[in-house]
Amino acid sequence: PLRRRELNTEDFTIISNNCWGGMIYESYGLPKGSPTAGLFFMAPDYIRFLSALDRCLRSELTFIRPEHSRWITAPEVSADPRFGTYPIGQLSAGGESIEIFFLHCRSEAEAHEKWTRRCQRVHHDKLLVKFNDQNGCSEEDIRAFASLPFKNKVFFTCRHWPGEKEFARNMSAYCIV
């Protein structure tokens, strides 16, 4: 696409808490260079994932049955009629498990293959880390995200949060949309 010519580089990795990263790659006609394309995390799990990113990307991805998800009663999960139709992956990060909802995969095999292949594409020196205020996001999650040591951090929100000026100082962009 025309917009692809505007990029300074094509070998970058978007780490996102939802499908946003995959949509960005698609809009530029690029291969999905991120294991987080086509999935979502609940906000606290995403913060745990980012806090141990290198370890998580090397961890063995396993799967759980939907009824065993610790998030099964969260409205973002329980109110979604698609829940139970897609695989739920699990990673271990320092004794804590992280659940990954592979929303756009039909099987565990497909999710595992995409995750493994895309983990190998990660450009650790060219990361764009994105977070937004959905899936149980709290002020504590935003504060934790702001304190993470990533150079390029972007946060999207649809509301004003207490402490947003402080958060914004620790991010590349803090966007209220």
N, C-alpha and C. Protein backbone atom coordinates (compact mmCIF):
# COMPACT_ATOMS: atom_id res chain seq x y z
N PRO A 1 0.81 -1.21 0.00
CA PRO A 1 0.00 0.00 0.00
C PRO A 1 0.85 1.27 0.00
N LEU A 2 0.23 2.33 -0.42
CA LEU A 2 0.89 3.63 -0.50
C LEU A 2 1.47 4.04 0.84
N ARG A 3 0.72 3.85 1.91
CA ARG A 3 1.19 4.30 3.22
C ARG A 3 2.44 3.56 3.66
N ARG A 4 2.71 2.37 3.13
CA ARG A 4 3.90 1.61 3.51
C ARG A 4 5.17 2.37 3.16
N ARG A 5 5.13 3.17 2.10
CA ARG A 5 6.31 3.94 1.70
C ARG A 5 6.68 5.01 2.72
N GLU A 6 5.75 5.34 3.60
CA GLU A 6 6.01 6.36 4.61
C GLU A 6 6.74 5.83 5.83
N LEU A 7 6.90 4.53 5.92
CA LEU A 7 7.59 3.93 7.07
C LEU A 7 9.09 4.10 6.96
N ASN A 8 9.74 4.33 8.09
CA ASN A 8 11.20 4.38 8.12
C ASN A 8 11.81 2.98 8.16
N THR A 9 11.05 2.03 8.68
CA THR A 9 11.50 0.65 8.77
C THR A 9 10.29 -0.27 8.72
N GLU A 10 10.50 -1.47 8.27
CA GLU A 10 9.42 -2.45 8.22
C GLU A 10 9.66 -3.59 9.19
N ASP A 11 10.80 -3.58 9.86
CA ASP A 11 11.13 -4.67 10.78
C ASP A 11 10.99 -4.20 12.23
N PHE A 12 9.74 -4.02 12.63
CA PHE A 12 9.43 -3.60 13.99
C PHE A 12 8.37 -4.54 14.55
N THR A 13 8.24 -4.52 15.86
CA THR A 13 7.27 -5.38 16.52
C THR A 13 6.32 -4.54 17.36
N ILE A 14 5.04 -4.78 17.16
CA ILE A 14 4.00 -4.15 17.98
C ILE A 14 3.54 -5.19 19.00
N ILE A 15 3.65 -4.84 20.25
CA ILE A 15 3.11 -5.69 21.32
C ILE A 15 1.87 -4.96 21.82
N SER A 16 0.71 -5.60 21.69
CA SER A 16 -0.56 -4.96 22.02
C SER A 16 -1.41 -5.87 22.88
N ASN A 17 -2.27 -5.27 23.69
CA ASN A 17 -3.15 -6.05 24.55
C ASN A 17 -4.39 -6.58 23.82
N ASN A 18 -4.53 -6.22 22.56
CA ASN A 18 -5.68 -6.70 21.77
C ASN A 18 -5.29 -6.76 20.30
N CYS A 19 -6.27 -6.85 19.43
CA CYS A 19 -6.05 -7.04 17.99
C CYS A 19 -5.48 -5.82 17.26
N TRP A 20 -5.34 -4.71 17.93
CA TRP A 20 -4.90 -3.46 17.31
C TRP A 20 -3.61 -3.64 16.51
N GLY A 21 -2.64 -4.30 17.09
CA GLY A 21 -1.35 -4.47 16.41
C GLY A 21 -1.49 -5.18 15.08
N GLY A 22 -2.28 -6.24 15.06
CA GLY A 22 -2.51 -6.97 13.80
C GLY A 22 -3.15 -6.09 12.75
N MET A 23 -4.08 -5.24 13.16
CA MET A 23 -4.74 -4.34 12.21
C MET A 23 -3.75 -3.32 11.66
N ILE A 24 -2.81 -2.88 12.47
CA ILE A 24 -1.79 -1.93 11.98
C ILE A 24 -0.92 -2.61 10.94
N TYR A 25 -0.44 -3.82 11.24
CA TYR A 25 0.36 -4.54 10.24
C TYR A 25 -0.42 -4.69 8.93
N GLU A 26 -1.68 -5.09 9.02
CA GLU A 26 -2.51 -5.26 7.81
C GLU A 26 -2.67 -3.96 7.05
N SER A 27 -2.86 -2.85 7.76
CA SER A 27 -3.08 -1.57 7.08
C SER A 27 -1.85 -1.11 6.31
N TYR A 28 -0.67 -1.61 6.69
CA TYR A 28 0.56 -1.27 5.98
C TYR A 28 1.00 -2.39 5.03
N GLY A 29 0.21 -3.45 4.93
CA GLY A 29 0.56 -4.56 4.05
C GLY A 29 1.79 -5.31 4.51
N LEU A 30 2.01 -5.39 5.82
CA LEU A 30 3.18 -6.05 6.38
C LEU A 30 2.80 -7.38 7.00
N PRO A 31 3.74 -8.33 7.02
CA PRO A 31 3.47 -9.57 7.75
C PRO A 31 3.36 -9.27 9.24
N LYS A 32 2.55 -10.01 9.94
CA LYS A 32 2.35 -9.77 11.37
C LYS A 32 3.62 -10.16 12.12
N GLY A 33 4.34 -9.16 12.58
CA GLY A 33 5.60 -9.37 13.27
C GLY A 33 5.46 -9.40 14.77
N SER A 34 4.30 -9.83 15.24
CA SER A 34 4.05 -9.85 16.67
C SER A 34 3.23 -11.06 17.06
N PRO A 35 3.61 -11.71 18.16
CA PRO A 35 2.79 -12.82 18.63
C PRO A 35 1.44 -12.36 19.18
N THR A 36 1.27 -11.07 19.44
CA THR A 36 0.02 -10.59 20.04
C THR A 36 -1.02 -10.18 19.00
N ALA A 37 -0.80 -10.45 17.75
CA ALA A 37 -1.80 -10.16 16.71
C ALA A 37 -2.93 -11.19 16.82
N GLY A 38 -4.17 -10.73 16.75
CA GLY A 38 -5.31 -11.63 16.71
C GLY A 38 -5.73 -12.21 18.05
N LEU A 39 -5.39 -11.55 19.13
CA LEU A 39 -5.72 -12.06 20.45
C LEU A 39 -5.96 -10.91 21.41
N PHE A 40 -6.35 -11.25 22.64
CA PHE A 40 -6.43 -10.21 23.67
C PHE A 40 -6.07 -10.80 25.02
N PHE A 41 -5.68 -9.90 25.91
CA PHE A 41 -5.38 -10.22 27.30
C PHE A 41 -6.34 -9.44 28.19
N MET A 42 -6.63 -9.95 29.35
CA MET A 42 -7.23 -9.14 30.38
C MET A 42 -6.11 -8.22 30.88
N ALA A 43 -6.46 -7.01 31.28
CA ALA A 43 -5.45 -5.99 31.59
C ALA A 43 -4.40 -6.44 32.61
N PRO A 44 -4.77 -7.02 33.75
CA PRO A 44 -3.71 -7.42 34.69
C PRO A 44 -2.75 -8.47 34.11
N ASP A 45 -3.28 -9.38 33.31
CA ASP A 45 -2.41 -10.38 32.67
C ASP A 45 -1.47 -9.73 31.66
N TYR A 46 -1.97 -8.73 30.95
CA TYR A 46 -1.12 -8.04 29.97
C TYR A 46 0.05 -7.35 30.67
N ILE A 47 -0.21 -6.72 31.80
CA ILE A 47 0.87 -6.07 32.54
C ILE A 47 1.88 -7.11 33.01
N ARG A 48 1.41 -8.27 33.50
CA ARG A 48 2.34 -9.35 33.89
C ARG A 48 3.14 -9.83 32.68
N PHE A 49 2.47 -9.95 31.53
CA PHE A 49 3.14 -10.37 30.30
C PHE A 49 4.26 -9.39 29.94
N LEU A 50 3.95 -8.10 29.94
CA LEU A 50 4.96 -7.10 29.60
C LEU A 50 6.10 -7.06 30.62
N SER A 51 5.76 -7.26 31.88
CA SER A 51 6.76 -7.21 32.95
C SER A 51 7.78 -8.33 32.83
N ALA A 52 7.42 -9.40 32.16
CA ALA A 52 8.31 -10.54 31.97
C ALA A 52 8.36 -10.91 30.49
N LEU A 53 8.36 -9.91 29.62
CA LEU A 53 8.20 -10.14 28.18
C LEU A 53 9.18 -11.17 27.62
N ASP A 54 10.46 -11.00 27.85
CA ASP A 54 11.43 -11.94 27.28
C ASP A 54 11.18 -13.36 27.75
N ARG A 55 10.93 -13.52 29.04
CA ARG A 55 10.66 -14.86 29.59
C ARG A 55 9.38 -15.43 28.99
N CYS A 56 8.35 -14.60 28.88
CA CYS A 56 7.07 -15.07 28.33
C CYS A 56 7.21 -15.50 26.87
N LEU A 57 7.98 -14.77 26.10
CA LEU A 57 8.16 -15.11 24.69
C LEU A 57 8.93 -16.41 24.51
N ARG A 58 9.69 -16.81 25.53
CA ARG A 58 10.42 -18.08 25.49
C ARG A 58 9.67 -19.20 26.19
N SER A 59 8.60 -18.88 26.92
CA SER A 59 7.86 -19.88 27.68
C SER A 59 7.07 -20.80 26.77
N GLU A 60 6.78 -21.96 27.30
CA GLU A 60 5.93 -22.91 26.58
C GLU A 60 4.49 -22.46 26.69
N LEU A 61 3.84 -22.35 25.56
CA LEU A 61 2.42 -22.01 25.52
C LEU A 61 1.61 -23.28 25.71
N THR A 62 0.75 -23.29 26.71
CA THR A 62 -0.16 -24.40 26.93
C THR A 62 -1.59 -23.87 26.79
N PHE A 63 -2.55 -24.74 26.88
CA PHE A 63 -3.95 -24.33 26.70
C PHE A 63 -4.80 -24.85 27.84
N ILE A 64 -5.84 -24.09 28.14
CA ILE A 64 -6.79 -24.49 29.17
C ILE A 64 -8.19 -24.53 28.55
N ARG A 65 -9.06 -25.24 29.21
CA ARG A 65 -10.47 -25.27 28.78
C ARG A 65 -11.12 -23.96 29.21
N PRO A 66 -12.03 -23.42 28.42
CA PRO A 66 -12.66 -22.14 28.76
C PRO A 66 -13.25 -22.10 30.17
N GLU A 67 -13.85 -23.19 30.61
CA GLU A 67 -14.45 -23.19 31.95
C GLU A 67 -13.43 -23.13 33.08
N HIS A 68 -12.15 -23.29 32.75
CA HIS A 68 -11.09 -23.19 33.75
C HIS A 68 -10.43 -21.81 33.76
N SER A 69 -10.88 -20.92 32.92
CA SER A 69 -10.32 -19.57 32.91
C SER A 69 -10.64 -18.85 34.21
N ARG A 70 -9.64 -18.21 34.78
CA ARG A 70 -9.91 -17.44 35.99
C ARG A 70 -10.70 -16.18 35.69
N TRP A 71 -10.84 -15.85 34.41
CA TRP A 71 -11.57 -14.65 34.01
C TRP A 71 -13.00 -14.97 33.57
N ILE A 72 -13.46 -16.17 33.76
CA ILE A 72 -14.75 -16.61 33.24
C ILE A 72 -15.91 -15.74 33.75
N THR A 73 -15.79 -15.17 34.92
CA THR A 73 -16.88 -14.33 35.45
C THR A 73 -16.69 -12.85 35.13
N ALA A 74 -15.58 -12.48 34.52
CA ALA A 74 -15.37 -11.08 34.14
C ALA A 74 -16.37 -10.72 33.04
N PRO A 75 -17.04 -9.59 33.15
CA PRO A 75 -18.06 -9.23 32.14
C PRO A 75 -17.51 -9.20 30.71
N GLU A 76 -16.26 -8.81 30.56
CA GLU A 76 -15.67 -8.74 29.22
C GLU A 76 -15.59 -10.13 28.58
N VAL A 77 -15.56 -11.15 29.40
CA VAL A 77 -15.49 -12.53 28.92
C VAL A 77 -16.86 -13.18 28.95
N SER A 78 -17.51 -13.14 30.09
CA SER A 78 -18.78 -13.86 30.26
C SER A 78 -19.91 -13.31 29.39
N ALA A 79 -19.86 -12.02 29.07
CA ALA A 79 -20.92 -11.42 28.25
C ALA A 79 -20.69 -11.59 26.75
N ASP A 80 -19.54 -12.10 26.38
CA ASP A 80 -19.21 -12.27 24.96
C ASP A 80 -19.75 -13.62 24.48
N PRO A 81 -20.69 -13.62 23.55
CA PRO A 81 -21.25 -14.90 23.07
C PRO A 81 -20.22 -15.78 22.37
N ARG A 82 -19.07 -15.22 21.99
CA ARG A 82 -18.03 -16.02 21.34
C ARG A 82 -17.19 -16.81 22.34
N PHE A 83 -17.27 -16.45 23.64
CA PHE A 83 -16.45 -17.13 24.64
C PHE A 83 -16.70 -18.63 24.58
N GLY A 84 -15.62 -19.37 24.58
CA GLY A 84 -15.70 -20.83 24.50
C GLY A 84 -15.52 -21.35 23.09
N THR A 85 -15.51 -20.44 22.10
CA THR A 85 -15.35 -20.87 20.70
C THR A 85 -13.92 -20.69 20.20
N TYR A 86 -13.07 -20.10 21.01
CA TYR A 86 -11.68 -19.86 20.61
C TYR A 86 -10.75 -20.39 21.71
N PRO A 87 -9.52 -20.70 21.35
CA PRO A 87 -8.58 -21.26 22.33
C PRO A 87 -8.15 -20.22 23.38
N ILE A 88 -7.85 -20.72 24.56
CA ILE A 88 -7.29 -19.88 25.63
C ILE A 88 -5.93 -20.46 25.97
N GLY A 89 -4.91 -19.68 25.69
CA GLY A 89 -3.55 -20.09 25.98
C GLY A 89 -3.13 -19.65 27.37
N GLN A 90 -2.05 -20.24 27.83
CA GLN A 90 -1.54 -19.90 29.15
C GLN A 90 -0.02 -19.93 29.12
N LEU A 91 0.58 -18.91 29.71
CA LEU A 91 2.03 -18.83 29.88
C LEU A 91 2.32 -18.73 31.37
N SER A 92 3.51 -19.12 31.75
CA SER A 92 3.93 -18.98 33.13
C SER A 92 4.97 -17.87 33.20
N ALA A 93 4.77 -16.95 34.15
CA ALA A 93 5.72 -15.85 34.34
C ALA A 93 6.06 -15.77 35.82
N GLY A 94 7.14 -16.41 36.19
CA GLY A 94 7.56 -16.35 37.58
C GLY A 94 6.55 -16.90 38.56
N GLY A 95 5.94 -18.02 38.22
CA GLY A 95 4.97 -18.64 39.12
C GLY A 95 3.55 -18.16 38.92
N GLU A 96 3.35 -17.10 38.17
CA GLU A 96 2.00 -16.61 37.89
C GLU A 96 1.63 -17.00 36.47
N SER A 97 0.38 -17.39 36.29
CA SER A 97 -0.06 -17.73 34.94
C SER A 97 -0.67 -16.51 34.26
N ILE A 98 -0.53 -16.47 32.97
CA ILE A 98 -1.05 -15.40 32.12
C ILE A 98 -1.94 -16.06 31.08
N GLU A 99 -3.19 -15.64 31.02
CA GLU A 99 -4.12 -16.20 30.04
C GLU A 99 -4.16 -15.32 28.80
N ILE A 100 -4.19 -15.99 27.66
CA ILE A 100 -4.23 -15.31 26.37
C ILE A 100 -5.44 -15.83 25.61
N PHE A 101 -6.30 -14.93 25.20
CA PHE A 101 -7.53 -15.29 24.49
C PHE A 101 -7.28 -15.15 22.99
N PHE A 102 -7.14 -16.27 22.29
CA PHE A 102 -6.85 -16.30 20.86
C PHE A 102 -8.14 -16.14 20.06
N LEU A 103 -8.68 -14.95 20.10
CA LEU A 103 -9.99 -14.64 19.55
C LEU A 103 -10.16 -15.02 18.09
N HIS A 104 -9.10 -14.90 17.30
CA HIS A 104 -9.22 -15.12 15.86
C HIS A 104 -8.61 -16.44 15.40
N CYS A 105 -8.47 -17.39 16.32
CA CYS A 105 -7.97 -18.72 15.96
C CYS A 105 -9.07 -19.74 16.18
N ARG A 106 -9.08 -20.74 15.32
CA ARG A 106 -10.13 -21.77 15.40
C ARG A 106 -9.72 -22.98 16.23
N SER A 107 -8.41 -23.14 16.44
CA SER A 107 -7.96 -24.32 17.16
C SER A 107 -6.71 -24.00 17.97
N GLU A 108 -6.43 -24.88 18.93
CA GLU A 108 -5.20 -24.74 19.70
C GLU A 108 -3.98 -24.88 18.81
N ALA A 109 -4.04 -25.79 17.85
CA ALA A 109 -2.91 -26.00 16.93
C ALA A 109 -2.62 -24.73 16.14
N GLU A 110 -3.67 -24.09 15.62
CA GLU A 110 -3.49 -22.84 14.87
C GLU A 110 -2.90 -21.76 15.77
N ALA A 111 -3.44 -21.61 16.97
CA ALA A 111 -2.95 -20.60 17.90
C ALA A 111 -1.49 -20.85 18.25
N HIS A 112 -1.15 -22.10 18.53
CA HIS A 112 0.23 -22.45 18.89
C HIS A 112 1.19 -22.16 17.73
N GLU A 113 0.79 -22.55 16.53
CA GLU A 113 1.65 -22.33 15.36
C GLU A 113 1.88 -20.84 15.14
N LYS A 114 0.84 -20.03 15.18
CA LYS A 114 0.98 -18.59 14.97
C LYS A 114 1.82 -17.95 16.07
N TRP A 115 1.55 -18.32 17.31
CA TRP A 115 2.29 -17.78 18.44
C TRP A 115 3.78 -18.09 18.30
N THR A 116 4.10 -19.35 18.04
CA THR A 116 5.50 -19.77 17.93
C THR A 116 6.21 -19.07 16.78
N ARG A 117 5.57 -19.04 15.62
CA ARG A 117 6.17 -18.39 14.45
C ARG A 117 6.39 -16.90 14.70
N ARG A 118 5.39 -16.26 15.27
CA ARG A 118 5.48 -14.81 15.47
C ARG A 118 6.44 -14.43 16.60
N CYS A 119 6.60 -15.30 17.59
CA CYS A 119 7.60 -15.03 18.64
C CYS A 119 9.00 -14.97 18.04
N GLN A 120 9.23 -15.76 17.00
CA GLN A 120 10.54 -15.77 16.34
C GLN A 120 10.77 -14.50 15.53
N ARG A 121 9.72 -13.75 15.21
CA ARG A 121 9.84 -12.52 14.42
C ARG A 121 10.06 -11.27 15.27
N VAL A 122 9.99 -11.39 16.57
CA VAL A 122 10.06 -10.21 17.44
C VAL A 122 11.40 -9.50 17.29
N HIS A 123 11.32 -8.21 17.07
CA HIS A 123 12.50 -7.34 17.01
C HIS A 123 12.60 -6.63 18.36
N HIS A 124 13.36 -7.21 19.27
CA HIS A 124 13.44 -6.68 20.63
C HIS A 124 13.99 -5.27 20.69
N ASP A 125 14.74 -4.89 19.68
CA ASP A 125 15.31 -3.54 19.67
C ASP A 125 14.40 -2.52 18.97
N LYS A 126 13.29 -2.97 18.43
CA LYS A 126 12.35 -2.08 17.74
C LYS A 126 10.92 -2.42 18.14
N LEU A 127 10.62 -2.17 19.42
CA LEU A 127 9.30 -2.50 19.95
C LEU A 127 8.43 -1.26 20.06
N LEU A 128 7.18 -1.41 19.71
CA LEU A 128 6.14 -0.43 20.02
C LEU A 128 5.17 -1.17 20.93
N VAL A 129 5.04 -0.71 22.16
CA VAL A 129 4.20 -1.37 23.14
C VAL A 129 2.95 -0.53 23.34
N LYS A 130 1.79 -1.13 23.10
CA LYS A 130 0.51 -0.41 23.15
C LYS A 130 -0.41 -1.04 24.18
N PHE A 131 -1.16 -0.18 24.86
CA PHE A 131 -2.13 -0.60 25.87
C PHE A 131 -3.34 0.31 25.74
N ASN A 132 -4.50 -0.20 26.10
CA ASN A 132 -5.68 0.67 26.16
C ASN A 132 -6.57 0.23 27.31
N ASP A 133 -7.54 1.07 27.62
CA ASP A 133 -8.34 0.88 28.83
C ASP A 133 -9.56 0.00 28.59
N GLN A 134 -9.32 -1.25 28.28
CA GLN A 134 -10.40 -2.20 28.16
C GLN A 134 -10.00 -3.48 28.88
N ASN A 135 -10.92 -4.43 28.92
CA ASN A 135 -10.65 -5.75 29.51
C ASN A 135 -10.19 -5.66 30.96
N GLY A 136 -10.96 -4.91 31.75
CA GLY A 136 -10.69 -4.84 33.17
C GLY A 136 -9.58 -3.90 33.58
N CYS A 137 -9.23 -2.97 32.72
CA CYS A 137 -8.14 -2.03 33.00
C CYS A 137 -8.48 -1.15 34.21
N SER A 138 -7.52 -1.01 35.10
CA SER A 138 -7.68 -0.17 36.28
C SER A 138 -6.60 0.91 36.27
N GLU A 139 -6.77 1.87 37.15
CA GLU A 139 -5.76 2.92 37.29
C GLU A 139 -4.41 2.30 37.67
N GLU A 140 -4.45 1.27 38.49
CA GLU A 140 -3.22 0.56 38.88
C GLU A 140 -2.52 -0.05 37.65
N ASP A 141 -3.31 -0.62 36.73
CA ASP A 141 -2.73 -1.19 35.51
C ASP A 141 -2.06 -0.10 34.66
N ILE A 142 -2.71 1.04 34.55
CA ILE A 142 -2.13 2.14 33.76
C ILE A 142 -0.84 2.63 34.41
N ARG A 143 -0.86 2.77 35.71
CA ARG A 143 0.34 3.20 36.44
C ARG A 143 1.49 2.19 36.21
N ALA A 144 1.16 0.90 36.29
CA ALA A 144 2.17 -0.13 36.06
C ALA A 144 2.70 -0.07 34.63
N PHE A 145 1.80 0.11 33.66
CA PHE A 145 2.22 0.24 32.26
C PHE A 145 3.15 1.43 32.09
N ALA A 146 2.79 2.56 32.67
CA ALA A 146 3.61 3.78 32.55
C ALA A 146 5.01 3.58 33.12
N SER A 147 5.12 2.72 34.13
CA SER A 147 6.42 2.53 34.77
C SER A 147 7.30 1.49 34.07
N LEU A 148 6.76 0.77 33.11
CA LEU A 148 7.56 -0.24 32.42
C LEU A 148 8.66 0.42 31.59
N PRO A 149 9.81 -0.24 31.47
CA PRO A 149 10.98 0.39 30.84
C PRO A 149 11.05 0.31 29.32
N PHE A 150 9.92 0.36 28.64
CA PHE A 150 9.95 0.34 27.18
C PHE A 150 10.10 1.75 26.65
N LYS A 151 10.88 1.89 25.60
CA LYS A 151 11.12 3.22 25.02
C LYS A 151 9.88 3.77 24.34
N ASN A 152 9.18 2.94 23.57
CA ASN A 152 8.03 3.38 22.78
C ASN A 152 6.75 2.77 23.33
N LYS A 153 6.08 3.53 24.20
CA LYS A 153 4.83 3.08 24.83
C LYS A 153 3.72 4.03 24.42
N VAL A 154 2.60 3.44 24.02
CA VAL A 154 1.43 4.22 23.63
C VAL A 154 0.23 3.71 24.42
N PHE A 155 -0.58 4.65 24.92
CA PHE A 155 -1.78 4.29 25.66
C PHE A 155 -2.97 5.02 25.05
N PHE A 156 -4.03 4.28 24.76
CA PHE A 156 -5.27 4.86 24.24
C PHE A 156 -6.36 4.72 25.30
N THR A 157 -7.13 5.78 25.47
CA THR A 157 -8.22 5.76 26.43
C THR A 157 -9.41 6.54 25.89
N CYS A 158 -10.56 6.26 26.44
CA CYS A 158 -11.76 6.99 26.04
C CYS A 158 -12.27 7.84 27.19
N ARG A 159 -11.45 8.02 28.22
CA ARG A 159 -11.86 8.82 29.36
C ARG A 159 -10.66 9.45 30.04
N HIS A 160 -10.93 10.36 30.94
CA HIS A 160 -9.86 10.96 31.74
C HIS A 160 -9.64 10.10 32.99
N TRP A 161 -8.36 9.84 33.28
CA TRP A 161 -7.99 9.04 34.44
C TRP A 161 -7.30 9.92 35.46
N PRO A 162 -7.51 9.67 36.76
CA PRO A 162 -6.71 10.38 37.76
C PRO A 162 -5.24 10.07 37.51
N GLY A 163 -4.40 11.04 37.58
CA GLY A 163 -2.97 10.83 37.37
C GLY A 163 -2.54 10.78 35.92
N GLU A 164 -3.43 11.15 34.99
CA GLU A 164 -3.07 11.00 33.57
C GLU A 164 -1.89 11.86 33.16
N LYS A 165 -1.71 13.01 33.78
CA LYS A 165 -0.54 13.84 33.43
C LYS A 165 0.75 13.13 33.82
N GLU A 166 0.74 12.50 34.98
CA GLU A 166 1.90 11.72 35.42
C GLU A 166 2.15 10.55 34.47
N PHE A 167 1.07 9.83 34.11
CA PHE A 167 1.21 8.70 33.20
C PHE A 167 1.80 9.15 31.87
N ALA A 168 1.25 10.25 31.35
CA ALA A 168 1.66 10.74 30.03
C ALA A 168 3.15 11.08 29.98
N ARG A 169 3.72 11.54 31.08
CA ARG A 169 5.16 11.87 31.12
C ARG A 169 6.02 10.64 30.91
N ASN A 170 5.47 9.47 31.21
CA ASN A 170 6.25 8.22 31.12
C ASN A 170 5.91 7.39 29.90
N MET A 171 5.25 8.01 28.92
CA MET A 171 4.88 7.29 27.70
C MET A 171 5.23 8.13 26.48
N SER A 172 5.37 7.46 25.35
CA SER A 172 5.58 8.17 24.09
C SER A 172 4.33 8.92 23.69
N ALA A 173 3.16 8.32 23.98
CA ALA A 173 1.88 8.97 23.67
C ALA A 173 0.81 8.47 24.63
N TYR A 174 0.00 9.41 25.07
CA TYR A 174 -1.16 9.12 25.92
C TYR A 174 -2.31 9.78 25.19
N CYS A 175 -3.16 8.98 24.56
CA CYS A 175 -4.17 9.50 23.64
C CYS A 175 -5.56 9.31 24.19
N ILE A 176 -6.31 10.40 24.33
CA ILE A 176 -7.71 10.33 24.70
C ILE A 176 -8.51 10.45 23.41
N VAL A 177 -9.24 9.40 23.09
CA VAL A 177 -10.00 9.38 21.83
C VAL A 177 -11.49 9.38 22.09
